[in-house]
Amino acid sequence: MTPRKPDLAERLIDAAVALFAERTYEGTQMPAVAQRAGVGVGSIYRYFPSKEALGNAAFQHAKRALLDELAAAMAEGGPAGTVREEFGRFWRGFTRYAGARPEAFVFLEHQQHDTFLAPDSLALAAEIDRIAADFIERGQRAGEIRDGDAAQLVALAVGAFTGLVKLHRADGLGAMAPADLAAAEECVWALLHRPAP
């Protein structure tokens, strides 16, 4: 069976994500997106009436893929037995996403988006934030995660993971030895875990 050829809108989104990761959203011009996608500039405007529309489509595409990867990781092996196991699933979801889609991860996590995001994009971002905050709050109620504002603890954990991706951006997370990736997971868990009395 022949693999499906991506449609033009998908090619434009992929080109935009790649360029936004390289140059930032603000530093990317529409002609560069068209050139990367191998089309004329006018083709972009048949699908996306403005740069903001393309930016929102790229953001939503990348966020939905992250949400799908996290959902798949959370469903692996049935219900998680402990808070630590659930954290491990989140970690695997993030590492798989960042490894498979490094440009999308950089675009999502290494840049500011507040200059162009529409309400539906902000709602999607808030959905992922809520999933992570819910995990923190459940872990706090179980006595496994340290006290503190859930959103701040999520920001610290995601910030640590984002720093790890940045450190290994040239060679990718896939180049990390499994033992090093496991050690990094333990460090981030230690940041969240409630210390023993």
N, C-alpha and C. Protein backbone atom coordinates (compact mmCIF):
# COMPACT_ATOMS: atom_id res chain seq x y z
N MET A 1 0.85 -1.18 0.00
CA MET A 1 0.00 0.00 0.00
C MET A 1 0.90 1.25 0.00
N THR A 2 0.61 2.22 -0.84
CA THR A 2 1.38 3.45 -0.95
C THR A 2 1.03 4.37 0.21
N PRO A 3 2.04 4.96 0.89
CA PRO A 3 1.72 5.87 1.99
C PRO A 3 0.94 7.08 1.47
N ARG A 4 0.06 7.60 2.31
CA ARG A 4 -0.75 8.75 1.94
C ARG A 4 0.14 9.98 1.80
N LYS A 5 -0.05 10.70 0.71
CA LYS A 5 0.69 11.94 0.50
C LYS A 5 0.01 13.05 1.32
N PRO A 6 0.79 13.82 2.09
CA PRO A 6 0.15 14.86 2.90
C PRO A 6 -0.54 15.89 2.01
N ASP A 7 -1.70 16.37 2.45
CA ASP A 7 -2.37 17.38 1.66
C ASP A 7 -1.65 18.73 1.84
N LEU A 8 -2.04 19.67 1.02
CA LEU A 8 -1.32 20.95 1.02
C LEU A 8 -1.42 21.68 2.35
N ALA A 9 -2.60 21.67 2.97
CA ALA A 9 -2.73 22.34 4.27
C ALA A 9 -1.78 21.73 5.29
N GLU A 10 -1.68 20.41 5.29
CA GLU A 10 -0.76 19.72 6.22
C GLU A 10 0.69 20.07 5.90
N ARG A 11 1.04 20.12 4.63
CA ARG A 11 2.41 20.51 4.24
C ARG A 11 2.72 21.93 4.69
N LEU A 12 1.76 22.81 4.56
CA LEU A 12 1.97 24.20 4.99
C LEU A 12 2.15 24.28 6.50
N ILE A 13 1.35 23.53 7.24
CA ILE A 13 1.49 23.51 8.71
C ILE A 13 2.84 22.94 9.09
N ASP A 14 3.25 21.85 8.47
CA ASP A 14 4.56 21.26 8.78
C ASP A 14 5.69 22.23 8.48
N ALA A 15 5.58 22.92 7.34
CA ALA A 15 6.61 23.90 6.98
C ALA A 15 6.64 25.05 7.99
N ALA A 16 5.45 25.50 8.39
CA ALA A 16 5.37 26.59 9.36
C ALA A 16 5.98 26.18 10.69
N VAL A 17 5.64 24.99 11.19
CA VAL A 17 6.19 24.52 12.47
C VAL A 17 7.71 24.46 12.40
N ALA A 18 8.24 23.93 11.30
CA ALA A 18 9.70 23.83 11.16
C ALA A 18 10.34 25.21 11.18
N LEU A 19 9.76 26.14 10.47
CA LEU A 19 10.34 27.49 10.43
C LEU A 19 10.13 28.24 11.74
N PHE A 20 8.97 28.07 12.38
CA PHE A 20 8.75 28.72 13.67
C PHE A 20 9.77 28.20 14.69
N ALA A 21 10.10 26.92 14.62
CA ALA A 21 11.10 26.37 15.53
C ALA A 21 12.48 26.95 15.24
N GLU A 22 12.81 27.13 13.96
CA GLU A 22 14.13 27.67 13.58
C GLU A 22 14.24 29.16 13.84
N ARG A 23 13.20 29.90 13.44
CA ARG A 23 13.29 31.37 13.38
C ARG A 23 12.37 32.10 14.35
N THR A 24 11.50 31.41 15.02
CA THR A 24 10.40 31.91 15.84
C THR A 24 9.24 32.33 14.93
N TYR A 25 8.08 32.44 15.54
CA TYR A 25 6.90 32.88 14.80
C TYR A 25 7.13 34.27 14.23
N GLU A 26 7.58 35.19 15.10
CA GLU A 26 7.78 36.57 14.66
C GLU A 26 8.83 36.68 13.56
N GLY A 27 9.83 35.82 13.59
CA GLY A 27 10.92 35.88 12.62
C GLY A 27 10.65 35.15 11.32
N THR A 28 9.45 34.59 11.16
CA THR A 28 9.13 33.81 9.96
C THR A 28 8.19 34.61 9.07
N GLN A 29 8.55 34.73 7.82
CA GLN A 29 7.71 35.41 6.83
C GLN A 29 6.96 34.37 6.00
N MET A 30 5.79 34.75 5.51
CA MET A 30 4.97 33.83 4.74
C MET A 30 5.68 33.30 3.48
N PRO A 31 6.46 34.11 2.76
CA PRO A 31 7.15 33.55 1.60
C PRO A 31 8.11 32.40 1.97
N ALA A 32 8.70 32.47 3.15
CA ALA A 32 9.59 31.39 3.59
C ALA A 32 8.80 30.11 3.83
N VAL A 33 7.59 30.25 4.37
CA VAL A 33 6.74 29.07 4.58
C VAL A 33 6.38 28.45 3.24
N ALA A 34 6.00 29.30 2.29
CA ALA A 34 5.64 28.81 0.95
C ALA A 34 6.83 28.09 0.31
N GLN A 35 8.00 28.69 0.41
CA GLN A 35 9.19 28.07 -0.18
C GLN A 35 9.48 26.72 0.47
N ARG A 36 9.40 26.64 1.80
CA ARG A 36 9.65 25.38 2.50
C ARG A 36 8.63 24.31 2.09
N ALA A 37 7.38 24.73 1.85
CA ALA A 37 6.33 23.78 1.46
C ALA A 37 6.37 23.47 -0.04
N GLY A 38 7.17 24.25 -0.80
CA GLY A 38 7.27 24.01 -2.23
C GLY A 38 6.09 24.51 -3.03
N VAL A 39 5.50 25.62 -2.56
CA VAL A 39 4.34 26.20 -3.26
C VAL A 39 4.52 27.70 -3.39
N GLY A 40 3.65 28.33 -4.17
CA GLY A 40 3.63 29.78 -4.25
C GLY A 40 2.98 30.38 -3.02
N VAL A 41 3.31 31.63 -2.73
CA VAL A 41 2.77 32.29 -1.54
C VAL A 41 1.25 32.34 -1.56
N GLY A 42 0.68 32.54 -2.74
CA GLY A 42 -0.78 32.61 -2.84
C GLY A 42 -1.47 31.34 -2.37
N SER A 43 -0.78 30.21 -2.47
CA SER A 43 -1.38 28.94 -2.03
C SER A 43 -1.67 28.95 -0.53
N ILE A 44 -0.84 29.63 0.23
CA ILE A 44 -1.06 29.67 1.68
C ILE A 44 -2.41 30.30 1.98
N TYR A 45 -2.71 31.39 1.28
CA TYR A 45 -3.90 32.16 1.60
C TYR A 45 -5.19 31.46 1.18
N ARG A 46 -5.10 30.41 0.38
CA ARG A 46 -6.30 29.61 0.08
C ARG A 46 -6.72 28.81 1.32
N TYR A 47 -5.78 28.51 2.20
CA TYR A 47 -6.06 27.71 3.40
C TYR A 47 -6.05 28.55 4.67
N PHE A 48 -5.19 29.55 4.72
CA PHE A 48 -5.00 30.34 5.93
C PHE A 48 -5.03 31.82 5.54
N PRO A 49 -6.05 32.56 5.95
CA PRO A 49 -6.20 33.93 5.48
C PRO A 49 -5.16 34.92 6.02
N SER A 50 -4.39 34.49 7.02
CA SER A 50 -3.38 35.39 7.60
C SER A 50 -2.29 34.55 8.26
N LYS A 51 -1.21 35.23 8.60
CA LYS A 51 -0.13 34.55 9.32
C LYS A 51 -0.64 34.07 10.68
N GLU A 52 -1.50 34.86 11.32
CA GLU A 52 -2.06 34.46 12.61
C GLU A 52 -2.88 33.18 12.48
N ALA A 53 -3.65 33.07 11.40
CA ALA A 53 -4.44 31.86 11.18
C ALA A 53 -3.52 30.65 11.00
N LEU A 54 -2.44 30.82 10.25
CA LEU A 54 -1.48 29.74 10.07
C LEU A 54 -0.80 29.40 11.39
N GLY A 55 -0.43 30.42 12.15
CA GLY A 55 0.20 30.19 13.46
C GLY A 55 -0.72 29.42 14.40
N ASN A 56 -2.00 29.77 14.41
CA ASN A 56 -2.95 29.06 15.26
C ASN A 56 -3.16 27.63 14.80
N ALA A 57 -3.23 27.43 13.48
CA ALA A 57 -3.38 26.06 12.96
C ALA A 57 -2.16 25.22 13.33
N ALA A 58 -0.97 25.81 13.21
CA ALA A 58 0.26 25.08 13.57
C ALA A 58 0.29 24.77 15.06
N PHE A 59 -0.08 25.73 15.88
CA PHE A 59 -0.09 25.54 17.33
C PHE A 59 -1.08 24.44 17.72
N GLN A 60 -2.29 24.51 17.16
CA GLN A 60 -3.30 23.51 17.50
C GLN A 60 -2.90 22.12 17.01
N HIS A 61 -2.33 22.05 15.83
CA HIS A 61 -1.87 20.76 15.29
C HIS A 61 -0.83 20.15 16.23
N ALA A 62 0.14 20.96 16.66
CA ALA A 62 1.20 20.48 17.54
C ALA A 62 0.65 20.11 18.92
N LYS A 63 -0.23 20.92 19.47
CA LYS A 63 -0.80 20.65 20.80
C LYS A 63 -1.68 19.40 20.79
N ARG A 64 -2.46 19.23 19.72
CA ARG A 64 -3.32 18.03 19.65
C ARG A 64 -2.46 16.77 19.56
N ALA A 65 -1.38 16.85 18.79
CA ALA A 65 -0.48 15.69 18.70
C ALA A 65 0.13 15.38 20.06
N LEU A 66 0.49 16.41 20.83
CA LEU A 66 1.00 16.19 22.18
C LEU A 66 -0.07 15.58 23.07
N LEU A 67 -1.27 16.10 22.98
CA LEU A 67 -2.38 15.56 23.78
C LEU A 67 -2.62 14.10 23.42
N ASP A 68 -2.59 13.76 22.14
CA ASP A 68 -2.77 12.37 21.71
C ASP A 68 -1.66 11.47 22.25
N GLU A 69 -0.42 11.96 22.21
CA GLU A 69 0.71 11.16 22.70
C GLU A 69 0.60 10.95 24.20
N LEU A 70 0.20 11.98 24.94
CA LEU A 70 0.03 11.83 26.38
C LEU A 70 -1.11 10.86 26.70
N ALA A 71 -2.21 10.96 25.96
CA ALA A 71 -3.34 10.04 26.18
C ALA A 71 -2.92 8.60 25.92
N ALA A 72 -2.15 8.39 24.85
CA ALA A 72 -1.68 7.03 24.54
C ALA A 72 -0.78 6.51 25.65
N ALA A 73 0.13 7.36 26.13
CA ALA A 73 1.04 6.94 27.20
C ALA A 73 0.28 6.64 28.48
N MET A 74 -0.73 7.44 28.79
CA MET A 74 -1.48 7.24 30.02
C MET A 74 -2.31 5.95 29.96
N ALA A 75 -2.68 5.52 28.76
CA ALA A 75 -3.51 4.32 28.61
C ALA A 75 -2.69 3.03 28.58
N GLU A 76 -1.37 3.13 28.45
CA GLU A 76 -0.54 1.93 28.34
C GLU A 76 -0.56 1.11 29.63
N GLY A 77 -0.78 -0.18 29.48
CA GLY A 77 -0.69 -1.07 30.63
C GLY A 77 -1.85 -0.98 31.59
N GLY A 78 -2.95 -0.37 31.17
CA GLY A 78 -4.11 -0.28 32.05
C GLY A 78 -3.96 0.85 33.06
N PRO A 79 -4.80 0.85 34.09
CA PRO A 79 -4.76 1.94 35.07
C PRO A 79 -3.41 2.00 35.80
N ALA A 80 -2.93 3.21 36.00
CA ALA A 80 -1.68 3.39 36.75
C ALA A 80 -1.95 3.05 38.21
N GLY A 81 -1.04 2.29 38.81
CA GLY A 81 -1.24 1.87 40.19
C GLY A 81 -0.84 2.91 41.21
N THR A 82 0.17 3.71 40.90
CA THR A 82 0.66 4.70 41.86
C THR A 82 0.86 6.04 41.17
N VAL A 83 1.01 7.07 41.98
CA VAL A 83 1.30 8.40 41.46
C VAL A 83 2.62 8.38 40.70
N ARG A 84 3.59 7.66 41.23
CA ARG A 84 4.90 7.57 40.55
C ARG A 84 4.77 6.91 39.19
N GLU A 85 3.95 5.85 39.09
CA GLU A 85 3.74 5.20 37.80
C GLU A 85 3.06 6.14 36.81
N GLU A 86 2.11 6.91 37.31
CA GLU A 86 1.43 7.87 36.44
C GLU A 86 2.40 8.93 35.95
N PHE A 87 3.28 9.39 36.84
CA PHE A 87 4.30 10.35 36.41
C PHE A 87 5.18 9.74 35.32
N GLY A 88 5.56 8.47 35.49
CA GLY A 88 6.37 7.80 34.48
C GLY A 88 5.69 7.76 33.13
N ARG A 89 4.39 7.61 33.12
CA ARG A 89 3.65 7.61 31.85
C ARG A 89 3.66 9.00 31.22
N PHE A 90 3.45 10.03 32.05
CA PHE A 90 3.56 11.39 31.52
C PHE A 90 4.94 11.59 30.91
N TRP A 91 5.97 11.17 31.63
CA TRP A 91 7.35 11.33 31.16
C TRP A 91 7.54 10.64 29.81
N ARG A 92 7.06 9.40 29.70
CA ARG A 92 7.20 8.68 28.43
C ARG A 92 6.45 9.38 27.31
N GLY A 93 5.28 9.90 27.59
CA GLY A 93 4.53 10.63 26.57
C GLY A 93 5.29 11.85 26.09
N PHE A 94 5.83 12.62 27.02
CA PHE A 94 6.61 13.81 26.64
C PHE A 94 7.88 13.43 25.88
N THR A 95 8.58 12.40 26.36
CA THR A 95 9.84 12.04 25.68
C THR A 95 9.57 11.49 24.29
N ARG A 96 8.51 10.72 24.13
CA ARG A 96 8.19 10.21 22.78
C ARG A 96 7.81 11.36 21.86
N TYR A 97 7.01 12.28 22.36
CA TYR A 97 6.59 13.41 21.54
C TYR A 97 7.80 14.26 21.14
N ALA A 98 8.61 14.63 22.11
CA ALA A 98 9.78 15.47 21.81
C ALA A 98 10.77 14.75 20.91
N GLY A 99 10.88 13.42 21.05
CA GLY A 99 11.78 12.66 20.19
C GLY A 99 11.27 12.53 18.77
N ALA A 100 9.95 12.33 18.61
CA ALA A 100 9.37 12.14 17.29
C ALA A 100 9.09 13.46 16.58
N ARG A 101 8.83 14.51 17.35
CA ARG A 101 8.46 15.81 16.78
C ARG A 101 9.27 16.93 17.42
N PRO A 102 10.58 16.90 17.26
CA PRO A 102 11.40 17.90 17.97
C PRO A 102 11.09 19.34 17.57
N GLU A 103 10.79 19.57 16.30
CA GLU A 103 10.49 20.95 15.88
C GLU A 103 9.19 21.43 16.52
N ALA A 104 8.19 20.56 16.57
CA ALA A 104 6.92 20.94 17.19
C ALA A 104 7.11 21.22 18.68
N PHE A 105 7.92 20.39 19.35
CA PHE A 105 8.16 20.61 20.77
C PHE A 105 8.85 21.95 21.00
N VAL A 106 9.85 22.25 20.18
CA VAL A 106 10.56 23.54 20.31
C VAL A 106 9.58 24.69 20.09
N PHE A 107 8.75 24.58 19.06
CA PHE A 107 7.77 25.63 18.78
C PHE A 107 6.82 25.81 19.96
N LEU A 108 6.36 24.72 20.56
CA LEU A 108 5.42 24.82 21.67
C LEU A 108 6.05 25.32 22.95
N GLU A 109 7.23 24.83 23.27
CA GLU A 109 7.77 25.04 24.61
C GLU A 109 8.91 26.05 24.72
N HIS A 110 9.52 26.44 23.62
CA HIS A 110 10.65 27.37 23.71
C HIS A 110 10.29 28.77 23.24
N GLN A 111 9.01 29.03 22.97
CA GLN A 111 8.63 30.34 22.43
C GLN A 111 7.41 30.89 23.15
N GLN A 112 7.27 32.20 23.05
CA GLN A 112 6.06 32.86 23.54
C GLN A 112 5.05 32.88 22.41
N HIS A 113 3.78 32.65 22.73
CA HIS A 113 2.74 32.59 21.71
C HIS A 113 1.66 33.64 21.91
N ASP A 114 1.79 34.45 22.96
CA ASP A 114 0.68 35.33 23.32
C ASP A 114 0.41 36.43 22.30
N THR A 115 1.29 36.62 21.34
CA THR A 115 1.06 37.68 20.35
C THR A 115 0.08 37.26 19.26
N PHE A 116 -0.20 35.96 19.11
CA PHE A 116 -1.04 35.55 17.99
C PHE A 116 -2.10 34.51 18.32
N LEU A 117 -2.09 33.92 19.50
CA LEU A 117 -3.03 32.83 19.77
C LEU A 117 -4.47 33.32 19.90
N ALA A 118 -5.36 32.59 19.24
CA ALA A 118 -6.80 32.86 19.30
C ALA A 118 -7.39 32.11 20.50
N PRO A 119 -8.62 32.45 20.88
CA PRO A 119 -9.23 31.80 22.04
C PRO A 119 -9.28 30.27 21.96
N ASP A 120 -9.53 29.69 20.78
CA ASP A 120 -9.60 28.23 20.71
C ASP A 120 -8.23 27.59 20.92
N SER A 121 -7.17 28.27 20.51
CA SER A 121 -5.81 27.77 20.77
C SER A 121 -5.49 27.86 22.26
N LEU A 122 -5.88 28.97 22.87
CA LEU A 122 -5.65 29.13 24.31
C LEU A 122 -6.43 28.09 25.10
N ALA A 123 -7.64 27.75 24.65
CA ALA A 123 -8.44 26.73 25.34
C ALA A 123 -7.77 25.36 25.24
N LEU A 124 -7.19 25.05 24.09
CA LEU A 124 -6.50 23.77 23.93
C LEU A 124 -5.28 23.71 24.84
N ALA A 125 -4.52 24.79 24.90
CA ALA A 125 -3.36 24.85 25.79
C ALA A 125 -3.80 24.68 27.24
N ALA A 126 -4.91 25.32 27.60
CA ALA A 126 -5.41 25.22 28.98
C ALA A 126 -5.86 23.80 29.30
N GLU A 127 -6.34 23.07 28.30
CA GLU A 127 -6.76 21.68 28.53
C GLU A 127 -5.57 20.82 28.96
N ILE A 128 -4.44 20.98 28.28
CA ILE A 128 -3.25 20.21 28.65
C ILE A 128 -2.75 20.65 30.02
N ASP A 129 -2.76 21.95 30.27
CA ASP A 129 -2.34 22.45 31.58
C ASP A 129 -3.21 21.88 32.69
N ARG A 130 -4.51 21.76 32.42
CA ARG A 130 -5.44 21.24 33.43
C ARG A 130 -5.19 19.76 33.71
N ILE A 131 -4.89 19.00 32.67
CA ILE A 131 -4.57 17.58 32.86
C ILE A 131 -3.36 17.43 33.79
N ALA A 132 -2.33 18.24 33.54
CA ALA A 132 -1.12 18.17 34.37
C ALA A 132 -1.40 18.64 35.79
N ALA A 133 -2.16 19.74 35.93
CA ALA A 133 -2.48 20.24 37.27
C ALA A 133 -3.35 19.24 38.04
N ASP A 134 -4.27 18.57 37.35
CA ASP A 134 -5.09 17.55 38.01
C ASP A 134 -4.22 16.43 38.57
N PHE A 135 -3.22 16.01 37.79
CA PHE A 135 -2.29 14.99 38.26
C PHE A 135 -1.58 15.46 39.53
N ILE A 136 -1.08 16.68 39.52
CA ILE A 136 -0.39 17.22 40.69
C ILE A 136 -1.32 17.23 41.90
N GLU A 137 -2.53 17.70 41.71
CA GLU A 137 -3.48 17.79 42.83
C GLU A 137 -3.84 16.41 43.37
N ARG A 138 -4.01 15.42 42.49
CA ARG A 138 -4.27 14.05 42.96
C ARG A 138 -3.07 13.52 43.75
N GLY A 139 -1.88 13.81 43.24
CA GLY A 139 -0.68 13.38 43.94
C GLY A 139 -0.51 14.04 45.30
N GLN A 140 -0.92 15.31 45.39
CA GLN A 140 -0.87 16.00 46.68
C GLN A 140 -1.86 15.39 47.66
N ARG A 141 -3.07 15.10 47.17
CA ARG A 141 -4.07 14.49 48.07
C ARG A 141 -3.61 13.11 48.55
N ALA A 142 -2.86 12.40 47.70
CA ALA A 142 -2.35 11.08 48.08
C ALA A 142 -1.10 11.18 48.95
N GLY A 143 -0.59 12.39 49.17
CA GLY A 143 0.60 12.57 49.99
C GLY A 143 1.90 12.26 49.28
N GLU A 144 1.87 12.10 47.96
CA GLU A 144 3.07 11.74 47.19
C GLU A 144 3.77 12.94 46.57
N ILE A 145 3.04 14.02 46.34
CA ILE A 145 3.63 15.21 45.70
C ILE A 145 3.63 16.34 46.71
N ARG A 146 4.71 17.08 46.69
CA ARG A 146 4.90 18.16 47.66
C ARG A 146 3.79 19.20 47.58
N ASP A 147 3.61 19.91 48.68
CA ASP A 147 2.64 21.00 48.72
C ASP A 147 3.11 22.11 47.79
N GLY A 148 2.16 22.89 47.36
CA GLY A 148 2.47 24.04 46.51
C GLY A 148 1.42 24.20 45.44
N ASP A 149 1.46 25.33 44.80
CA ASP A 149 0.53 25.63 43.73
C ASP A 149 0.74 24.65 42.58
N ALA A 150 -0.32 23.99 42.15
CA ALA A 150 -0.20 22.95 41.12
C ALA A 150 0.37 23.51 39.82
N ALA A 151 -0.09 24.69 39.41
CA ALA A 151 0.40 25.28 38.15
C ALA A 151 1.89 25.57 38.24
N GLN A 152 2.36 26.03 39.40
CA GLN A 152 3.79 26.29 39.56
C GLN A 152 4.60 25.00 39.51
N LEU A 153 4.11 23.96 40.14
CA LEU A 153 4.83 22.69 40.11
C LEU A 153 4.87 22.11 38.70
N VAL A 154 3.77 22.25 37.96
CA VAL A 154 3.77 21.82 36.56
C VAL A 154 4.80 22.61 35.78
N ALA A 155 4.84 23.93 35.99
CA ALA A 155 5.80 24.77 35.27
C ALA A 155 7.24 24.36 35.57
N LEU A 156 7.52 24.02 36.83
CA LEU A 156 8.87 23.59 37.18
C LEU A 156 9.24 22.28 36.49
N ALA A 157 8.29 21.32 36.48
CA ALA A 157 8.57 20.02 35.86
C ALA A 157 8.72 20.15 34.34
N VAL A 158 7.80 20.89 33.72
CA VAL A 158 7.88 21.08 32.27
C VAL A 158 9.12 21.89 31.91
N GLY A 159 9.45 22.86 32.74
CA GLY A 159 10.67 23.65 32.50
C GLY A 159 11.92 22.79 32.56
N ALA A 160 11.96 21.86 33.51
CA ALA A 160 13.11 20.95 33.59
C ALA A 160 13.19 20.07 32.35
N PHE A 161 12.05 19.55 31.91
CA PHE A 161 12.03 18.71 30.72
C PHE A 161 12.41 19.52 29.48
N THR A 162 11.91 20.73 29.39
CA THR A 162 12.23 21.60 28.25
C THR A 162 13.73 21.90 28.22
N GLY A 163 14.32 22.13 29.38
CA GLY A 163 15.77 22.34 29.44
C GLY A 163 16.54 21.13 28.96
N LEU A 164 16.06 19.95 29.31
CA LEU A 164 16.70 18.72 28.85
C LEU A 164 16.64 18.61 27.33
N VAL A 165 15.47 18.92 26.76
CA VAL A 165 15.33 18.89 25.29
C VAL A 165 16.27 19.91 24.66
N LYS A 166 16.33 21.09 25.23
CA LYS A 166 17.22 22.14 24.69
C LYS A 166 18.68 21.69 24.73
N LEU A 167 19.07 21.06 25.82
CA LEU A 167 20.44 20.58 25.97
C LEU A 167 20.79 19.56 24.89
N HIS A 168 19.81 18.74 24.52
CA HIS A 168 20.05 17.66 23.55
C HIS A 168 19.42 17.94 22.20
N ARG A 169 19.16 19.21 21.91
CA ARG A 169 18.45 19.54 20.66
C ARG A 169 19.22 19.11 19.42
N ALA A 170 20.52 19.27 19.43
CA ALA A 170 21.30 18.94 18.23
C ALA A 170 21.24 17.46 17.91
N ASP A 171 21.34 16.61 18.92
CA ASP A 171 21.36 15.17 18.67
C ASP A 171 20.03 14.49 18.98
N GLY A 172 19.11 15.20 19.63
CA GLY A 172 17.78 14.66 19.91
C GLY A 172 17.77 13.78 21.15
N LEU A 173 16.61 13.68 21.77
CA LEU A 173 16.48 12.86 22.97
C LEU A 173 16.75 11.39 22.68
N GLY A 174 16.50 10.97 21.44
CA GLY A 174 16.73 9.58 21.07
C GLY A 174 18.19 9.18 21.18
N ALA A 175 19.08 10.17 21.15
CA ALA A 175 20.51 9.88 21.26
C ALA A 175 20.95 9.70 22.71
N MET A 176 20.08 10.06 23.66
CA MET A 176 20.42 9.89 25.07
C MET A 176 20.40 8.41 25.42
N ALA A 177 21.36 7.99 26.21
CA ALA A 177 21.36 6.61 26.69
C ALA A 177 20.12 6.41 27.56
N PRO A 178 19.48 5.25 27.47
CA PRO A 178 18.29 5.00 28.29
C PRO A 178 18.54 5.24 29.78
N ALA A 179 19.73 4.90 30.26
CA ALA A 179 20.03 5.12 31.67
C ALA A 179 20.04 6.61 32.00
N ASP A 180 20.56 7.44 31.08
CA ASP A 180 20.58 8.89 31.31
C ASP A 180 19.17 9.48 31.29
N LEU A 181 18.34 8.97 30.39
CA LEU A 181 16.96 9.44 30.32
C LEU A 181 16.21 9.03 31.59
N ALA A 182 16.46 7.82 32.07
CA ALA A 182 15.84 7.35 33.32
C ALA A 182 16.32 8.18 34.51
N ALA A 183 17.61 8.53 34.52
CA ALA A 183 18.14 9.36 35.61
C ALA A 183 17.51 10.74 35.59
N ALA A 184 17.31 11.29 34.40
CA ALA A 184 16.65 12.60 34.27
C ALA A 184 15.21 12.52 34.78
N GLU A 185 14.53 11.43 34.45
CA GLU A 185 13.17 11.23 34.95
C GLU A 185 13.16 11.22 36.48
N GLU A 186 14.11 10.52 37.08
CA GLU A 186 14.17 10.46 38.54
C GLU A 186 14.42 11.84 39.14
N CYS A 187 15.25 12.64 38.49
CA CYS A 187 15.53 14.00 38.99
C CYS A 187 14.27 14.86 38.97
N VAL A 188 13.51 14.77 37.87
CA VAL A 188 12.29 15.58 37.78
C VAL A 188 11.25 15.06 38.77
N TRP A 189 11.17 13.74 38.95
CA TRP A 189 10.26 13.21 39.96
C TRP A 189 10.66 13.70 41.34
N ALA A 190 11.94 13.74 41.62
CA ALA A 190 12.41 14.21 42.93
C ALA A 190 12.02 15.66 43.17
N LEU A 191 11.94 16.43 42.10
CA LEU A 191 11.51 17.83 42.22
C LEU A 191 10.05 17.90 42.69
N LEU A 192 9.24 16.95 42.24
CA LEU A 192 7.81 16.95 42.58
C LEU A 192 7.49 16.18 43.85
N HIS A 193 8.23 15.13 44.12
CA HIS A 193 7.88 14.19 45.19
C HIS A 193 8.00 14.84 46.56
N ARG A 194 7.04 14.53 47.40
CA ARG A 194 7.09 15.04 48.77
C ARG A 194 8.22 14.38 49.51
N PRO A 195 9.13 15.17 50.10
CA PRO A 195 10.23 14.55 50.84
C PRO A 195 9.73 13.76 52.04
N ALA A 196 10.44 12.71 52.36
CA ALA A 196 10.07 11.93 53.54
C ALA A 196 10.27 12.77 54.79
N PRO A 197 9.39 12.62 55.79
CA PRO A 197 9.52 13.43 57.02
C PRO A 197 10.78 13.06 57.79
